[in-house]
Amino acid sequence: MRRGPVIGTKTMVVSPHYLASAAGAQVLAKGGNAYDAAVAVSATLAVVYPHMTGLGGDAFWLGYSASEGRVRAYNGSGRSGYAVRRDCYAGEEAIPRRGVRSAITVPGMADSWSAVQREYGRLTLAEVLEPAIGYSAGGFPLSPDQHGGSVLAGAALSPEAAAVYLPGGQIPAAGERFVQRQLAGTLRALAAGGRDAFYKGSIAEEISDYMQASGGYLTRDDFADHQGSWEEPLQTEYHGHTVYQVPPNSQGFTALMALNILEHYNFAEIRHGSYEYYHLLVEALKLSFRDRDQVLTDPSFRSIPLDRLLSKPYAAQLAAAISPRKALALSSEPVGRDTAYAAVVDEEGNAVSFIQSLYFEFGSGVVAGNTGILLQNRGSFFSLDPAHVNTLEPHKRTFHTLMPAMACRDGKPAYLYGTQGGEGQPQTQTLLLTRMLHYGMDPQTAVSEPRFVWGRTWGEPTQELRIENRVAEAVRAELAEAGHLVGEAQSYDGVMGHAHAISIDSNGYRSGGADPRSDGAAIGW
């Protein structure tokens, strides 16, 4: 299943669906820049990968502007409704994972498209939405991944959602033409009226009226008051590179913490794919997760000690806690799953790394009225425990797994990378960066090599380390002997998520890699 890297001298687009990558390339070819192309990719993914992402979800962005010479972050996550309180779920142990009462945060994606386009784009929003509108109205070949998601989560869909995603009561086959006419109408309204059509106009009215009639909590005021935010990204220095992440409520700082720990080890003496390699990465990430779970929430509601967590002295303390032959006995909470990551680099040197999600497959499982929009269930991750750091409160952003990454060398982008998969995101990102930076792998090789994921299941908290059976049996046995609860995953197992990456070398050549586990493609020229 291994592919060779795609290399371009001017541009590169990577995404988990080939039609989305093509949409980005199309926008670049017609004169758009990386920001225009990124919004086109994002919107097209919202159509052709509807089980993973959509207009009813959130998005996070990292962008490098060549004219400004800096990286900026955009937080496109939504807040809980003003009327959403813990007593809405009195007598329940947790917020439902599906259904209208799980859809309690305002979708932030449409706002993020508008913000990114307005700030840095060259084309109009209507122009970059053209591919997405075309695929929703005219249809596209349903992907194998959407078919699999439908098999897995089709029973969780509301009647309105099932009418769209299970036409005629049947799971559509891979390759079948799949049309979303209601969504096409919504996208046309957005293209014509801009973000206000979504948050203050007919789209907001249709969604909120549906929610009120169906026992949900989001109102027109919740939509009208939504606003994403431009923010300074977090960063750390790692082996001559400045690595950037979106700040909380994203979990991105977790990956920076892991890199600070790994900085204390000499990878020139650690063979890739060895016991030492996997053990070290897993242990560094475990320690980062331990701190993350204690502090991560909306920083507007609770202070997060990032200065301490990202300090080099603190990383040295954590590194000293790692035993070379014994696994730490830590556990992890499952924190989400289905997501779509993509990245774009243009001829001018602009670069955009971004990620978006509905949280679970098909999100809440609810399509809002006649909009064709699947609403996310991201807010179901709030806790109902008033003492919990991520407790549910009105107008609050929840702990968020989405975390696009970018690493710069000499002030310019060198690596753009990210992955689908909640708890797996910091883990796979650490694998990707160490493989490209320390072992000289091109992006395609880095994403195709065997992967692991620790602690990521969709049930109880776990310490299991799932690792692909392509990793040498002797290495897996050594990990088990050290105390890791090793579980075997199949070759190119989907549980490892869909990772994609772009690297830019000293000649300016762009190399792209798309995960063979996905339906994606890297396109460059």
Protein backbone atom coordinates (compact mmCIF):
# COMPACT_ATOMS: atom_id res chain seq x y z
CA MET A 1 0.00 0.00 0.00
CA ARG A 2 3.00 2.33 0.18
CA ARG A 3 2.99 5.16 -2.34
CA GLY A 4 5.79 7.40 -3.43
CA PRO A 5 5.81 11.08 -2.44
CA VAL A 6 4.27 13.71 -4.68
CA ILE A 7 6.74 16.54 -5.30
CA GLY A 8 5.92 20.01 -6.57
CA THR A 9 8.16 22.97 -7.29
CA LYS A 10 5.42 25.52 -6.61
CA THR A 11 2.35 24.11 -4.83
CA MET A 12 1.06 21.22 -2.75
CA VAL A 13 -2.36 20.16 -1.44
CA VAL A 14 -3.04 17.16 0.82
CA SER A 15 -6.37 15.98 2.21
CA PRO A 16 -8.20 12.74 3.09
CA HIS A 17 -10.38 12.85 -0.05
CA TYR A 18 -9.06 13.17 -3.58
CA LEU A 19 -11.94 15.42 -4.69
CA ALA A 20 -11.16 17.87 -1.89
CA SER A 21 -7.49 17.90 -2.85
CA ALA A 22 -8.52 18.49 -6.47
CA ALA A 23 -10.78 21.36 -5.40
CA GLY A 24 -7.82 23.03 -3.69
CA ALA A 25 -5.65 22.52 -6.75
CA GLN A 26 -8.40 23.94 -8.96
CA VAL A 27 -8.60 27.11 -6.86
CA LEU A 28 -4.81 27.53 -6.94
CA ALA A 29 -4.83 27.10 -10.71
CA LYS A 30 -7.45 29.83 -11.15
CA GLY A 31 -5.35 32.35 -9.21
CA GLY A 32 -6.27 31.76 -5.60
CA ASN A 33 -3.68 31.54 -2.87
CA ALA A 34 -3.20 28.92 -0.15
CA TYR A 35 -5.90 30.46 2.04
CA ASP A 36 -8.44 30.42 -0.80
CA ALA A 37 -7.50 26.83 -1.62
CA ALA A 38 -7.69 25.77 2.04
CA VAL A 39 -11.25 27.07 2.36
CA ALA A 40 -12.16 25.28 -0.87
CA VAL A 41 -10.68 22.03 0.47
CA SER A 42 -12.47 22.50 3.80
CA ALA A 43 -15.83 23.15 2.16
CA THR A 44 -15.45 20.24 -0.25
CA LEU A 45 -14.57 17.90 2.62
CA ALA A 46 -17.78 19.06 4.31
CA VAL A 47 -19.60 17.61 1.29
CA VAL A 48 -17.62 14.54 0.20
CA TYR A 49 -16.61 13.33 3.70
CA PRO A 50 -19.89 14.07 5.54
CA HIS A 51 -19.41 11.35 8.14
CA MET A 52 -16.18 13.06 9.26
CA THR A 53 -16.87 16.75 8.95
CA GLY A 54 -19.41 19.30 7.85
CA LEU A 55 -21.00 22.72 8.18
CA GLY A 56 -22.39 21.67 11.55
CA GLY A 57 -18.91 21.23 13.02
CA ASP A 58 -15.80 23.14 14.07
CA ALA A 59 -12.41 23.92 12.52
CA PHE A 60 -8.98 25.07 13.71
CA TRP A 61 -6.44 26.81 11.46
CA LEU A 62 -2.74 27.64 11.41
CA GLY A 63 -1.64 29.90 8.59
CA TYR A 64 1.71 31.33 7.55
CA SER A 65 1.42 34.54 5.57
CA ALA A 66 4.45 35.07 3.33
CA SER A 67 3.82 38.83 3.16
CA GLU A 68 3.61 39.14 6.96
CA GLY A 69 6.26 36.54 7.71
CA ARG A 70 4.36 35.11 10.67
CA VAL A 71 2.10 32.27 11.76
CA ARG A 72 -1.39 32.99 13.09
CA ALA A 73 -4.05 30.70 14.52
CA TYR A 74 -7.81 30.83 14.11
CA ASN A 75 -10.04 29.13 16.66
CA GLY A 76 -13.19 28.14 14.83
CA SER A 77 -14.83 26.21 17.66
CA GLY A 78 -18.31 26.93 18.95
CA ARG A 79 -19.56 27.67 22.43
CA SER A 80 -22.39 26.02 24.31
CA GLY A 81 -25.77 27.73 24.17
CA TYR A 82 -26.76 30.35 26.71
CA ALA A 83 -29.52 28.07 27.99
CA VAL A 84 -27.34 24.96 28.24
CA ARG A 85 -26.71 24.18 31.89
CA ARG A 86 -25.91 21.08 33.89
CA ASP A 87 -29.47 20.98 35.24
CA CYS A 88 -30.68 20.36 31.68
CA TYR A 89 -29.37 16.84 32.31
CA ALA A 90 -30.50 16.44 35.91
CA GLY A 91 -30.53 12.78 36.92
CA GLU A 92 -28.26 11.76 34.03
CA GLU A 93 -24.67 10.62 34.47
CA ALA A 94 -23.46 12.25 31.27
CA ILE A 95 -24.60 14.31 28.31
CA PRO A 96 -26.06 12.00 25.64
CA ARG A 97 -23.55 11.16 22.90
CA ARG A 98 -26.15 11.26 20.11
CA GLY A 99 -29.42 13.01 19.38
CA VAL A 100 -30.57 16.62 19.54
CA ARG A 101 -29.55 17.01 23.22
CA SER A 102 -25.94 16.23 22.30
CA ALA A 103 -25.85 19.12 19.81
CA ILE A 104 -25.25 21.91 22.32
CA THR A 105 -22.41 23.95 20.77
CA VAL A 106 -22.78 26.40 17.90
CA PRO A 107 -21.05 25.19 14.71
CA GLY A 108 -17.93 27.29 14.15
CA MET A 109 -16.83 26.17 10.69
CA ALA A 110 -18.72 28.65 8.50
CA ASP A 111 -17.40 31.54 10.58
CA SER A 112 -13.85 30.23 10.18
CA TRP A 113 -14.21 30.08 6.39
CA SER A 114 -15.32 33.69 6.35
CA ALA A 115 -12.57 34.86 8.71
CA VAL A 116 -9.74 33.11 6.86
CA GLN A 117 -11.06 34.22 3.47
CA ARG A 118 -11.63 37.82 4.53
CA GLU A 119 -8.25 38.21 6.22
CA TYR A 120 -5.96 36.54 3.68
CA GLY A 121 -7.87 35.26 0.66
CA ARG A 122 -7.66 36.65 -2.85
CA LEU A 123 -10.91 35.28 -4.31
CA THR A 124 -14.47 35.64 -3.04
CA LEU A 125 -16.14 33.17 -0.71
CA ALA A 126 -18.60 32.35 -3.48
CA GLU A 127 -15.75 31.43 -5.82
CA VAL A 128 -14.05 29.06 -3.39
CA LEU A 129 -17.35 27.38 -2.50
CA GLU A 130 -18.05 26.48 -6.14
CA PRO A 131 -16.57 22.94 -5.99
CA ALA A 132 -18.44 22.09 -2.80
CA ILE A 133 -21.72 23.36 -4.23
CA GLY A 134 -21.15 21.37 -7.40
CA TYR A 135 -20.50 18.10 -5.58
CA SER A 136 -23.45 18.52 -3.23
CA ALA A 137 -25.90 19.35 -6.02
CA GLY A 138 -24.58 17.03 -8.72
CA GLY A 139 -23.29 14.22 -6.56
CA PHE A 140 -19.98 12.39 -6.27
CA PRO A 141 -18.85 8.75 -5.95
CA LEU A 142 -19.48 7.77 -2.34
CA SER A 143 -16.16 6.89 -0.70
CA PRO A 144 -15.34 3.52 0.87
CA ASP A 145 -14.75 5.39 4.13
CA GLN A 146 -18.23 6.93 4.11
CA HIS A 147 -19.70 3.51 3.38
CA GLY A 148 -17.84 2.08 6.37
CA GLY A 149 -18.96 4.96 8.58
CA SER A 150 -22.55 4.39 7.50
CA VAL A 151 -22.34 0.73 8.45
CA LEU A 152 -20.88 1.66 11.82
CA ALA A 153 -23.13 4.58 12.77
CA GLY A 154 -26.16 4.43 10.49
CA ALA A 155 -28.41 3.29 13.32
CA ALA A 156 -27.64 6.51 15.23
CA LEU A 157 -29.09 8.77 12.53
CA SER A 158 -32.31 10.70 13.08
CA PRO A 159 -35.13 10.18 10.54
CA GLU A 160 -34.18 13.42 8.76
CA ALA A 161 -30.52 12.39 8.65
CA ALA A 162 -31.32 8.86 7.56
CA ALA A 163 -33.36 10.22 4.66
CA VAL A 164 -30.15 11.83 3.37
CA TYR A 165 -27.43 9.36 4.35
CA LEU A 166 -29.41 6.12 4.09
CA PRO A 167 -31.55 6.83 1.00
CA GLY A 168 -34.42 4.42 0.71
CA GLY A 169 -33.45 2.98 4.06
CA GLN A 170 -30.33 1.39 2.59
CA ILE A 171 -26.63 1.98 3.18
CA PRO A 172 -25.32 3.32 -0.13
CA ALA A 173 -22.53 1.34 -1.74
CA ALA A 174 -19.05 2.69 -2.30
CA GLY A 175 -18.92 4.31 -5.72
CA GLU A 176 -22.65 5.06 -5.82
CA ARG A 177 -23.60 8.63 -6.80
CA PHE A 178 -24.39 10.51 -3.61
CA VAL A 179 -26.34 13.78 -3.77
CA GLN A 180 -27.13 16.29 -0.99
CA ARG A 181 -29.55 18.80 -2.53
CA GLN A 182 -30.58 20.45 0.75
CA LEU A 183 -26.94 21.02 1.65
CA ALA A 184 -26.35 22.48 -1.80
CA GLY A 185 -29.09 25.04 -1.11
CA THR A 186 -27.51 25.93 2.21
CA LEU A 187 -24.07 26.37 0.63
CA ARG A 188 -25.58 28.59 -2.08
CA ALA A 189 -27.20 30.74 0.61
CA LEU A 190 -23.87 30.99 2.40
CA ALA A 191 -22.06 31.90 -0.82
CA ALA A 192 -24.60 34.63 -1.55
CA GLY A 193 -25.05 36.04 1.94
CA GLY A 194 -21.73 35.31 3.65
CA ARG A 195 -21.37 34.28 7.30
CA ASP A 196 -24.38 36.38 8.33
CA ALA A 197 -26.63 34.08 6.30
CA PHE A 198 -25.45 31.25 8.54
CA TYR A 199 -25.41 33.00 11.91
CA LYS A 200 -28.03 35.73 11.60
CA GLY A 201 -30.14 34.79 8.61
CA SER A 202 -32.26 31.99 7.23
CA ILE A 203 -29.84 29.18 8.04
CA ALA A 204 -29.62 30.13 11.72
CA GLU A 205 -33.38 30.48 11.88
CA GLU A 206 -33.99 27.05 10.36
CA ILE A 207 -31.51 25.33 12.68
CA SER A 208 -32.64 27.05 15.88
CA ASP A 209 -36.34 26.62 15.09
CA TYR A 210 -35.73 22.92 14.48
CA MET A 211 -33.82 22.63 17.74
CA GLN A 212 -36.55 24.31 19.75
CA ALA A 213 -39.25 22.12 18.19
CA SER A 214 -37.21 18.94 18.79
CA GLY A 215 -36.21 19.42 22.42
CA GLY A 216 -32.80 20.94 21.75
CA TYR A 217 -31.24 23.94 23.41
CA LEU A 218 -29.54 26.15 20.81
CA THR A 219 -31.33 29.43 20.00
CA ARG A 220 -31.11 32.20 17.43
CA ASP A 221 -29.22 34.33 19.96
CA ASP A 222 -26.58 31.61 20.31
CA PHE A 223 -25.95 31.75 16.57
CA ALA A 224 -26.12 35.55 16.31
CA ASP A 225 -23.54 35.98 19.07
CA HIS A 226 -21.04 33.43 17.76
CA GLN A 227 -17.61 34.67 16.82
CA GLY A 228 -14.39 32.73 16.32
CA SER A 229 -11.07 34.30 17.22
CA TRP A 230 -7.64 35.03 15.79
CA GLU A 231 -5.03 34.01 18.34
CA GLU A 232 -1.28 33.85 18.79
CA PRO A 233 -0.21 30.23 18.34
CA LEU A 234 1.72 28.35 20.99
CA GLN A 235 5.26 27.41 20.08
CA THR A 236 8.35 25.58 21.19
CA GLU A 237 11.86 25.21 19.79
CA TYR A 238 12.80 21.70 18.74
CA HIS A 239 16.06 20.81 16.97
CA GLY A 240 16.35 24.02 15.00
CA HIS A 241 12.63 24.29 14.25
CA THR A 242 9.87 26.40 15.75
CA VAL A 243 6.85 24.15 16.17
CA TYR A 244 3.41 25.80 16.32
CA GLN A 245 0.06 24.67 17.71
CA VAL A 246 -3.33 26.32 18.27
CA PRO A 247 -3.75 27.35 21.94
CA PRO A 248 -6.48 26.00 24.26
CA ASN A 249 -9.26 25.03 24.13
CA SER A 250 -7.25 22.87 21.67
CA GLN A 251 -5.12 20.05 23.06
CA GLY A 252 -2.23 21.17 20.82
CA PHE A 253 0.06 22.04 23.73
CA THR A 254 0.19 18.32 24.53
CA ALA A 255 2.31 17.67 21.43
CA LEU A 256 4.63 20.56 22.31
CA MET A 257 5.11 19.12 25.78
CA ALA A 258 6.03 15.75 24.28
CA LEU A 259 8.61 17.37 21.99
CA ASN A 260 10.15 19.23 24.93
CA ILE A 261 10.56 15.89 26.70
CA LEU A 262 12.00 14.17 23.61
CA GLU A 263 14.55 16.94 23.22
CA HIS A 264 16.48 15.27 26.06
CA TYR A 265 17.18 12.18 23.94
CA ASN A 266 19.63 11.63 21.09
CA PHE A 267 17.70 10.21 18.17
CA ALA A 268 20.94 9.64 16.27
CA GLU A 269 21.48 6.76 18.68
CA ILE A 270 17.88 5.46 18.52
CA ARG A 271 16.99 3.27 15.57
CA HIS A 272 13.67 4.05 13.96
CA GLY A 273 11.09 1.35 14.62
CA SER A 274 13.02 -0.04 17.58
CA TYR A 275 11.72 -0.74 21.05
CA GLU A 276 13.55 2.37 22.30
CA TYR A 277 11.84 4.56 19.69
CA TYR A 278 8.29 3.46 20.42
CA HIS A 279 8.76 3.24 24.20
CA LEU A 280 10.21 6.74 24.44
CA LEU A 281 7.46 8.36 22.37
CA VAL A 282 4.68 6.59 24.24
CA GLU A 283 6.06 7.53 27.65
CA ALA A 284 6.58 11.18 26.72
CA LEU A 285 3.02 11.38 25.43
CA LYS A 286 1.57 9.67 28.52
CA LEU A 287 3.11 12.32 30.74
CA SER A 288 1.76 15.08 28.51
CA PHE A 289 -1.74 13.57 28.57
CA ARG A 290 -1.66 13.37 32.36
CA ASP A 291 -1.24 17.14 32.61
CA ARG A 292 -3.63 17.84 29.76
CA ASP A 293 -6.47 15.99 31.44
CA GLN A 294 -6.06 18.06 34.60
CA VAL A 295 -6.12 21.51 33.00
CA LEU A 296 -7.64 21.63 29.52
CA THR A 297 -10.86 23.57 29.08
CA ASP A 298 -11.99 26.98 27.84
CA PRO A 299 -9.29 29.39 29.12
CA SER A 300 -11.96 32.10 29.45
CA PHE A 301 -13.38 30.09 32.34
CA ARG A 302 -10.25 28.75 33.99
CA SER A 303 -6.58 29.66 33.85
CA ILE A 304 -4.28 27.11 32.22
CA PRO A 305 -0.62 27.19 33.38
CA LEU A 306 0.92 27.01 29.92
CA ASP A 307 4.10 28.85 30.89
CA ARG A 308 4.93 26.10 33.36
CA LEU A 309 3.72 23.21 31.20
CA LEU A 310 5.74 24.34 28.17
CA SER A 311 8.87 25.35 30.06
CA LYS A 312 12.11 23.53 29.32
CA PRO A 313 12.90 22.95 33.03
CA TYR A 314 9.54 21.24 33.52
CA ALA A 315 10.21 19.07 30.46
CA ALA A 316 13.51 18.04 32.02
CA GLN A 317 11.63 16.90 35.16
CA LEU A 318 9.23 14.85 33.08
CA ALA A 319 12.03 13.31 31.02
CA ALA A 320 13.73 12.22 34.24
CA ALA A 321 10.57 10.30 35.20
CA ILE A 322 10.84 8.01 32.16
CA SER A 323 12.37 4.61 32.80
CA PRO A 324 14.09 3.02 29.80
CA ARG A 325 12.72 -0.44 30.66
CA LYS A 326 9.42 0.13 32.49
CA ALA A 327 6.15 1.62 31.26
CA LEU A 328 4.42 4.25 33.35
CA ALA A 329 1.11 3.07 34.84
CA LEU A 330 -1.13 5.85 33.54
CA SER A 331 -4.55 5.71 31.93
CA SER A 332 -6.33 7.96 29.47
CA GLU A 333 -9.89 9.04 28.81
CA PRO A 334 -11.25 8.46 25.28
CA VAL A 335 -11.67 11.89 23.69
CA GLY A 336 -13.18 11.72 20.21
CA ARG A 337 -12.58 10.13 16.87
CA ASP A 338 -13.64 11.28 13.43
CA THR A 339 -11.93 14.25 11.89
CA ALA A 340 -10.42 15.52 8.63
CA TYR A 341 -6.97 17.15 8.41
CA ALA A 342 -5.61 18.92 5.32
CA ALA A 343 -2.88 21.36 4.31
CA VAL A 344 -2.00 23.67 1.42
CA VAL A 345 1.18 25.47 0.34
CA ASP A 346 1.18 27.91 -2.60
CA GLU A 347 3.80 29.34 -4.95
CA GLU A 348 4.23 32.52 -2.91
CA GLY A 349 5.11 30.55 0.22
CA ASN A 350 1.80 30.93 2.05
CA ALA A 351 0.98 27.79 4.02
CA VAL A 352 -2.21 26.65 5.78
CA SER A 353 -2.54 23.67 8.13
CA PHE A 354 -6.11 23.01 9.27
CA ILE A 355 -8.42 20.41 10.76
CA GLN A 356 -12.18 20.03 11.16
CA SER A 357 -14.65 17.62 12.68
CA LEU A 358 -18.16 16.63 13.77
CA TYR A 359 -16.67 14.67 16.74
CA PHE A 360 -18.27 11.21 16.19
CA GLU A 361 -19.17 9.63 12.84
CA PHE A 362 -22.04 11.80 11.56
CA GLY A 363 -21.78 13.91 14.73
CA SER A 364 -25.00 14.03 16.73
CA GLY A 365 -26.74 12.05 14.00
CA VAL A 366 -29.19 14.95 13.61
CA VAL A 367 -29.81 16.94 10.42
CA ALA A 368 -31.29 20.32 11.27
CA GLY A 369 -34.56 20.88 9.44
CA ASN A 370 -34.21 21.45 5.71
CA THR A 371 -30.62 22.67 5.86
CA GLY A 372 -28.94 19.35 5.11
CA ILE A 373 -26.51 20.19 7.95
CA LEU A 374 -25.43 17.44 10.33
CA LEU A 375 -24.95 18.98 13.77
CA GLN A 376 -21.83 18.12 15.76
CA ASN A 377 -21.95 16.39 19.15
CA ARG A 378 -18.68 17.97 20.34
CA GLY A 379 -20.39 19.44 23.40
CA SER A 380 -21.17 15.97 24.70
CA PHE A 381 -17.58 15.88 25.95
CA PHE A 382 -18.40 18.43 28.65
CA SER A 383 -18.56 16.93 32.13
CA LEU A 384 -21.65 17.18 34.35
CA ASP A 385 -19.42 17.10 37.44
CA PRO A 386 -19.31 20.70 38.76
CA ALA A 387 -15.79 20.12 40.11
CA HIS A 388 -14.42 18.89 36.76
CA VAL A 389 -12.12 21.26 34.89
CA ASN A 390 -14.24 20.84 31.76
CA THR A 391 -17.63 21.08 33.45
CA LEU A 392 -20.60 22.22 31.37
CA GLU A 393 -21.45 25.91 31.63
CA PRO A 394 -23.35 28.31 29.34
CA HIS A 395 -21.49 29.98 26.45
CA LYS A 396 -18.35 27.91 26.97
CA ARG A 397 -15.97 26.11 24.63
CA THR A 398 -15.24 22.51 25.49
CA PHE A 399 -11.95 20.60 25.65
CA HIS A 400 -11.14 20.17 21.96
CA THR A 401 -9.02 17.50 20.32
CA LEU A 402 -8.48 19.33 17.01
CA MET A 403 -4.84 20.44 16.58
CA PRO A 404 -3.25 21.29 13.22
CA ALA A 405 0.56 21.54 13.36
CA MET A 406 3.25 23.51 11.57
CA ALA A 407 7.03 23.56 12.04
CA CYS A 408 9.14 26.41 10.67
CA ARG A 409 12.85 26.47 9.87
CA ASP A 410 14.60 29.84 9.64
CA GLY A 411 11.23 31.54 9.98
CA LYS A 412 9.55 29.76 7.06
CA PRO A 413 7.32 26.66 6.93
CA ALA A 414 9.21 23.36 6.77
CA TYR A 415 6.52 20.84 7.82
CA LEU A 416 2.73 20.95 7.86
CA TYR A 417 1.17 17.87 9.42
CA GLY A 418 -1.83 16.49 11.28
CA THR A 419 -4.21 13.61 11.59
CA GLN A 420 -7.69 12.43 12.32
CA GLY A 421 -8.36 10.72 15.61
CA GLY A 422 -8.94 12.43 18.98
CA GLU A 423 -6.49 10.93 21.40
CA GLY A 424 -4.34 9.77 18.51
CA GLN A 425 -3.62 13.26 17.20
CA PRO A 426 -0.68 14.22 19.45
CA GLN A 427 0.66 10.68 19.12
CA THR A 428 0.65 10.50 15.34
CA GLN A 429 1.91 14.07 15.03
CA THR A 430 4.90 13.14 17.18
CA LEU A 431 5.55 10.11 15.00
CA LEU A 432 5.34 12.19 11.83
CA LEU A 433 7.64 14.99 12.96
CA THR A 434 10.32 12.71 14.41
CA ARG A 435 10.27 10.57 11.27
CA MET A 436 10.64 13.52 8.93
CA LEU A 437 13.04 15.57 11.03
CA HIS A 438 15.28 12.92 12.65
CA TYR A 439 15.14 10.12 10.09
CA GLY A 440 14.85 12.10 6.87
CA MET A 441 11.62 10.47 5.72
CA ASP A 442 9.53 12.15 3.06
CA PRO A 443 5.91 12.82 4.11
CA GLN A 444 4.50 9.84 2.24
CA THR A 445 6.88 7.42 3.92
CA ALA A 446 6.29 9.03 7.30
CA VAL A 447 2.50 8.57 7.13
CA SER A 448 2.76 5.08 5.62
CA GLU A 449 5.13 3.60 8.21
CA PRO A 450 3.54 1.54 11.04
CA ARG A 451 1.84 3.50 13.79
CA PHE A 452 0.61 3.08 17.33
CA VAL A 453 -2.12 4.65 19.41
CA TRP A 454 -2.15 4.52 23.19
CA GLY A 455 -5.31 4.76 25.26
CA ARG A 456 -7.69 5.46 22.42
CA THR A 457 -10.82 3.35 22.68
CA TRP A 458 -14.49 4.29 22.61
CA GLY A 459 -15.42 2.70 25.95
CA GLU A 460 -13.68 2.76 29.29
CA PRO A 461 -10.42 4.53 30.10
CA THR A 462 -7.55 2.26 29.12
CA GLN A 463 -3.79 1.81 29.16
CA GLU A 464 -3.77 -0.33 26.02
CA LEU A 465 -1.08 0.36 23.46
CA ARG A 466 -2.45 -0.66 20.07
CA ILE A 467 0.37 -1.13 17.60
CA GLU A 468 0.27 -2.33 14.01
CA ASN A 469 1.40 -5.87 13.32
CA ARG A 470 3.84 -4.50 10.76
CA VAL A 471 6.02 -3.55 13.73
CA ALA A 472 8.48 -6.39 14.35
CA GLU A 473 7.12 -9.08 16.65
CA ALA A 474 10.29 -8.88 18.76
CA VAL A 475 9.72 -5.15 19.30
CA ARG A 476 6.12 -5.72 20.35
CA ALA A 477 7.22 -8.45 22.74
CA GLU A 478 9.84 -6.16 24.27
CA LEU A 479 7.22 -3.44 24.77
CA ALA A 480 4.96 -5.93 26.52
CA GLU A 481 7.83 -7.08 28.72
CA ALA A 482 8.34 -3.47 29.80
CA GLY A 483 4.75 -3.32 31.01
CA HIS A 484 2.91 -1.87 28.02
CA LEU A 485 -0.50 -3.47 27.50
CA VAL A 486 0.19 -4.25 23.86
CA GLY A 487 -2.75 -4.90 21.58
CA GLU A 488 -2.28 -5.91 17.96
CA ALA A 489 -3.74 -3.73 15.21
CA GLN A 490 -3.93 -4.82 11.59
CA SER A 491 -1.72 -3.40 8.86
CA TYR A 492 -2.89 0.09 7.89
CA ASP A 493 -5.62 -0.20 10.52
CA GLY A 494 -8.15 2.63 10.36
CA VAL A 495 -7.99 3.02 14.14
CA MET A 496 -4.67 4.80 13.57
CA GLY A 497 -6.48 7.65 11.85
CA HIS A 498 -5.84 9.44 8.57
CA ALA A 499 -2.61 11.47 8.64
CA HIS A 500 -1.28 13.81 5.95
CA ALA A 501 1.81 15.97 5.68
CA ILE A 502 3.73 18.43 3.54
CA SER A 503 7.45 19.16 3.76
CA ILE A 504 9.34 22.01 2.12
CA ASP A 505 13.07 21.47 1.59
CA SER A 506 15.94 23.92 1.25
CA ASN A 507 15.31 24.16 -2.51
CA GLY A 508 11.71 25.14 -1.92
CA TYR A 509 10.37 21.86 -3.30
CA ARG A 510 7.07 20.78 -1.77
CA SER A 511 6.67 17.08 -0.96
CA GLY A 512 3.25 15.76 0.01
CA GLY A 513 1.97 12.56 1.57
CA ALA A 514 -1.63 11.34 1.93
CA ASP A 515 -2.53 8.47 4.23
CA PRO A 516 -3.16 5.17 2.41
CA ARG A 517 -5.80 4.47 5.08
CA SER A 518 -7.89 7.31 3.64
CA ASP A 519 -9.45 8.19 0.29
CA GLY A 520 -7.06 11.10 -0.04
CA ALA A 521 -4.47 12.43 -2.43
CA ALA A 522 -1.49 14.75 -2.55
CA ILE A 523 -1.54 17.09 -5.56
CA GLY A 524 1.28 19.44 -6.47
CA TRP A 525 3.11 20.92 -9.42
